[in-house]
């Protein structure tokens, strides 16, 4: 089974919403600024509840903030004979 990758537009949406700071978003959804940073970098995937809170903050549907994509298949090394 391939690993699921969740892409997001949080950084882009912050700037489209009056240049909202990471701290401001964090306070609105009840997380730390460090968690916002990790989300934007794709190093942390939000819980379903948090994902909905973020989408609600931007007043857009969840699927306009987050996108699920299959991870690229890993390349396997071929053994030399």
N, C-alpha and C. Protein backbone atom coordinates (compact mmCIF):
# COMPACT_ATOMS: atom_id res chain seq x y z
N UNK A 1 0.84 -1.18 0.00
CA UNK A 1 0.00 0.00 0.00
C UNK A 1 0.89 1.24 0.00
N UNK A 2 0.56 2.19 -0.89
CA UNK A 2 1.33 3.42 -0.97
C UNK A 2 0.98 4.35 0.18
N UNK A 3 1.95 5.12 0.58
CA UNK A 3 1.75 6.10 1.65
C UNK A 3 0.90 7.25 1.10
N UNK A 4 0.01 7.75 1.93
CA UNK A 4 -0.83 8.88 1.54
C UNK A 4 -0.12 10.17 1.93
N UNK A 5 -0.16 11.13 1.02
CA UNK A 5 0.43 12.44 1.25
C UNK A 5 -0.70 13.47 1.26
N UNK A 6 -0.69 14.34 2.25
CA UNK A 6 -1.70 15.39 2.34
C UNK A 6 -1.02 16.73 2.08
N UNK A 7 -1.37 17.34 0.97
CA UNK A 7 -0.87 18.66 0.63
C UNK A 7 -1.84 19.69 1.17
N UNK A 8 -1.35 20.90 1.46
CA UNK A 8 -2.25 21.94 1.94
C UNK A 8 -1.87 23.30 1.36
N UNK A 9 -2.82 24.22 1.45
CA UNK A 9 -2.65 25.58 0.95
C UNK A 9 -2.67 26.59 2.10
N UNK A 10 -2.31 26.16 3.29
CA UNK A 10 -2.43 27.03 4.46
C UNK A 10 -1.63 28.32 4.29
N UNK A 11 -0.38 28.21 3.89
CA UNK A 11 0.45 29.41 3.74
C UNK A 11 -0.17 30.37 2.73
N UNK A 12 -0.55 29.84 1.58
CA UNK A 12 -1.18 30.67 0.54
C UNK A 12 -2.45 31.33 1.07
N UNK A 13 -3.28 30.58 1.76
CA UNK A 13 -4.54 31.12 2.28
C UNK A 13 -4.32 32.18 3.34
N UNK A 14 -3.28 32.03 4.14
CA UNK A 14 -2.98 33.06 5.15
C UNK A 14 -2.71 34.40 4.47
N UNK A 15 -1.98 34.37 3.35
CA UNK A 15 -1.65 35.61 2.67
C UNK A 15 -2.83 36.17 1.89
N UNK A 16 -3.70 35.30 1.41
CA UNK A 16 -4.90 35.77 0.71
C UNK A 16 -5.93 36.34 1.68
N UNK A 17 -5.78 36.03 2.95
CA UNK A 17 -6.71 36.49 3.98
C UNK A 17 -6.05 37.62 4.77
N UNK A 18 -5.66 38.66 4.10
CA UNK A 18 -5.10 39.82 4.78
C UNK A 18 -3.77 39.57 5.45
N UNK A 19 -2.97 38.69 4.89
CA UNK A 19 -1.65 38.35 5.43
C UNK A 19 -1.72 37.96 6.90
N UNK A 20 -2.60 37.01 7.20
CA UNK A 20 -2.74 36.46 8.54
C UNK A 20 -1.41 35.85 8.99
N UNK A 21 -1.00 36.13 10.20
CA UNK A 21 0.25 35.56 10.70
C UNK A 21 0.04 34.11 11.14
N UNK A 22 1.14 33.40 11.25
CA UNK A 22 1.08 32.03 11.76
C UNK A 22 0.54 32.04 13.18
N UNK A 23 0.94 33.00 13.98
CA UNK A 23 0.48 33.10 15.36
C UNK A 23 -1.02 33.34 15.42
N UNK A 24 -1.52 34.21 14.55
CA UNK A 24 -2.95 34.51 14.53
C UNK A 24 -3.76 33.27 14.16
N UNK A 25 -3.32 32.55 13.16
CA UNK A 25 -4.01 31.31 12.78
C UNK A 25 -3.98 30.31 13.93
N UNK A 26 -2.80 30.17 14.54
CA UNK A 26 -2.65 29.25 15.66
C UNK A 26 -3.64 29.56 16.78
N UNK A 27 -3.76 30.82 17.12
CA UNK A 27 -4.68 31.23 18.19
C UNK A 27 -6.13 30.97 17.81
N UNK A 28 -6.48 31.19 16.56
CA UNK A 28 -7.86 30.99 16.11
C UNK A 28 -8.28 29.53 16.14
N UNK A 29 -7.34 28.62 15.88
CA UNK A 29 -7.71 27.20 15.81
C UNK A 29 -7.25 26.41 17.03
N UNK A 30 -6.55 27.06 17.96
CA UNK A 30 -6.19 26.41 19.22
C UNK A 30 -4.96 25.51 19.16
N UNK A 31 -3.95 25.93 18.40
CA UNK A 31 -2.70 25.18 18.31
C UNK A 31 -1.54 26.15 18.51
N UNK A 32 -0.31 25.65 18.48
CA UNK A 32 0.86 26.52 18.62
C UNK A 32 1.33 26.98 17.23
N UNK A 33 2.09 28.05 17.24
CA UNK A 33 2.68 28.55 15.99
C UNK A 33 3.59 27.50 15.37
N UNK A 34 4.29 26.73 16.22
CA UNK A 34 5.18 25.68 15.72
C UNK A 34 4.39 24.61 14.97
N UNK A 35 3.17 24.34 15.41
CA UNK A 35 2.32 23.37 14.71
C UNK A 35 1.90 23.92 13.36
N UNK A 36 1.61 25.21 13.28
CA UNK A 36 1.27 25.82 11.99
C UNK A 36 2.46 25.69 11.04
N UNK A 37 3.66 25.94 11.55
CA UNK A 37 4.87 25.82 10.72
C UNK A 37 5.01 24.39 10.20
N UNK A 38 4.83 23.41 11.07
CA UNK A 38 4.93 22.00 10.67
C UNK A 38 3.86 21.64 9.64
N UNK A 39 2.65 22.14 9.82
CA UNK A 39 1.58 21.89 8.85
C UNK A 39 1.94 22.46 7.49
N UNK A 40 2.39 23.71 7.46
CA UNK A 40 2.73 24.36 6.20
C UNK A 40 3.86 23.64 5.47
N UNK A 41 4.79 23.08 6.21
CA UNK A 41 5.91 22.37 5.60
C UNK A 41 5.57 20.93 5.25
N UNK A 42 4.38 20.47 5.62
CA UNK A 42 3.98 19.10 5.33
C UNK A 42 4.63 18.08 6.24
N UNK A 43 5.13 18.53 7.39
CA UNK A 43 5.78 17.63 8.34
C UNK A 43 4.82 17.10 9.39
N UNK A 44 3.59 17.63 9.38
CA UNK A 44 2.58 17.21 10.35
C UNK A 44 1.24 17.21 9.64
N UNK A 45 0.48 16.16 9.84
CA UNK A 45 -0.86 16.07 9.28
C UNK A 45 -1.86 16.32 10.40
N UNK A 46 -2.84 17.20 10.16
CA UNK A 46 -3.79 17.54 11.22
C UNK A 46 -4.80 16.43 11.46
N UNK A 47 -5.37 16.45 12.65
CA UNK A 47 -6.51 15.58 12.92
C UNK A 47 -7.66 16.09 12.07
N UNK A 48 -8.68 15.28 11.93
CA UNK A 48 -9.84 15.69 11.15
C UNK A 48 -10.49 16.93 11.77
N UNK A 49 -10.57 16.94 13.10
CA UNK A 49 -11.15 18.09 13.79
C UNK A 49 -10.36 19.37 13.51
N UNK A 50 -9.05 19.29 13.59
CA UNK A 50 -8.21 20.46 13.33
C UNK A 50 -8.33 20.90 11.87
N UNK A 51 -8.37 19.96 10.95
CA UNK A 51 -8.51 20.29 9.54
C UNK A 51 -9.79 21.08 9.30
N UNK A 52 -10.89 20.65 9.93
CA UNK A 52 -12.15 21.38 9.79
C UNK A 52 -12.08 22.77 10.43
N UNK A 53 -11.40 22.89 11.57
CA UNK A 53 -11.27 24.21 12.21
C UNK A 53 -10.48 25.16 11.31
N UNK A 54 -9.43 24.65 10.68
CA UNK A 54 -8.63 25.48 9.78
C UNK A 54 -9.47 25.93 8.59
N UNK A 55 -10.18 25.00 7.98
CA UNK A 55 -11.03 25.34 6.83
C UNK A 55 -12.10 26.36 7.22
N UNK A 56 -12.68 26.17 8.39
CA UNK A 56 -13.72 27.09 8.87
C UNK A 56 -13.13 28.49 9.09
N UNK A 57 -11.90 28.56 9.57
CA UNK A 57 -11.24 29.85 9.79
C UNK A 57 -11.12 30.63 8.48
N UNK A 58 -10.83 29.91 7.40
CA UNK A 58 -10.71 30.56 6.09
C UNK A 58 -12.06 30.65 5.36
N UNK A 59 -13.12 30.09 5.97
CA UNK A 59 -14.47 30.12 5.41
C UNK A 59 -14.54 29.48 4.02
N UNK A 60 -13.83 28.36 3.87
CA UNK A 60 -13.86 27.61 2.62
C UNK A 60 -13.99 26.11 2.93
N UNK A 61 -14.42 25.33 1.95
CA UNK A 61 -14.54 23.89 2.17
C UNK A 61 -13.20 23.23 2.47
N UNK A 62 -13.25 22.17 3.23
CA UNK A 62 -12.06 21.42 3.63
C UNK A 62 -11.18 21.05 2.43
N UNK A 63 -11.81 20.60 1.35
CA UNK A 63 -11.04 20.15 0.18
C UNK A 63 -10.37 21.29 -0.58
N UNK A 64 -10.68 22.53 -0.22
CA UNK A 64 -9.96 23.66 -0.81
C UNK A 64 -8.73 24.04 0.01
N UNK A 65 -8.60 23.44 1.19
CA UNK A 65 -7.42 23.65 2.04
C UNK A 65 -6.47 22.46 1.92
N UNK A 66 -7.04 21.27 1.97
CA UNK A 66 -6.25 20.04 1.98
C UNK A 66 -6.55 19.18 0.75
N UNK A 67 -5.51 18.53 0.26
CA UNK A 67 -5.64 17.65 -0.90
C UNK A 67 -4.88 16.36 -0.61
N UNK A 68 -5.52 15.24 -0.84
CA UNK A 68 -4.87 13.95 -0.62
C UNK A 68 -4.31 13.46 -1.95
N UNK A 69 -3.05 13.07 -1.92
CA UNK A 69 -2.40 12.55 -3.12
C UNK A 69 -1.57 11.34 -2.74
N UNK A 70 -1.50 10.38 -3.64
CA UNK A 70 -0.65 9.22 -3.39
C UNK A 70 0.80 9.65 -3.48
N UNK A 71 1.62 9.09 -2.61
CA UNK A 71 3.05 9.37 -2.64
C UNK A 71 3.64 8.73 -3.89
N UNK A 72 4.65 9.34 -4.46
CA UNK A 72 5.29 8.71 -5.62
C UNK A 72 5.88 7.36 -5.22
N UNK A 73 5.82 6.43 -6.13
CA UNK A 73 6.35 5.09 -5.86
C UNK A 73 7.86 5.19 -5.64
N UNK A 74 8.34 4.43 -4.67
CA UNK A 74 9.77 4.41 -4.39
C UNK A 74 10.50 3.67 -5.50
N UNK A 75 11.63 4.21 -5.86
CA UNK A 75 12.46 3.53 -6.85
C UNK A 75 13.20 2.41 -6.17
N UNK A 76 13.23 1.29 -6.81
CA UNK A 76 13.98 0.15 -6.27
C UNK A 76 15.26 0.00 -7.05
N UNK A 77 16.29 -0.35 -6.33
CA UNK A 77 17.58 -0.53 -6.98
C UNK A 77 17.61 -1.92 -7.61
N UNK A 78 18.12 -1.95 -8.81
CA UNK A 78 18.26 -3.22 -9.51
C UNK A 78 19.61 -3.82 -9.15
N UNK A 79 19.58 -5.10 -8.90
CA UNK A 79 20.83 -5.79 -8.57
C UNK A 79 21.59 -6.09 -9.85
N UNK A 80 22.87 -5.87 -9.78
CA UNK A 80 23.70 -6.20 -10.92
C UNK A 80 24.00 -7.68 -10.90
N UNK A 81 23.91 -8.29 -12.05
CA UNK A 81 24.20 -9.73 -12.14
C UNK A 81 25.63 -10.00 -12.50
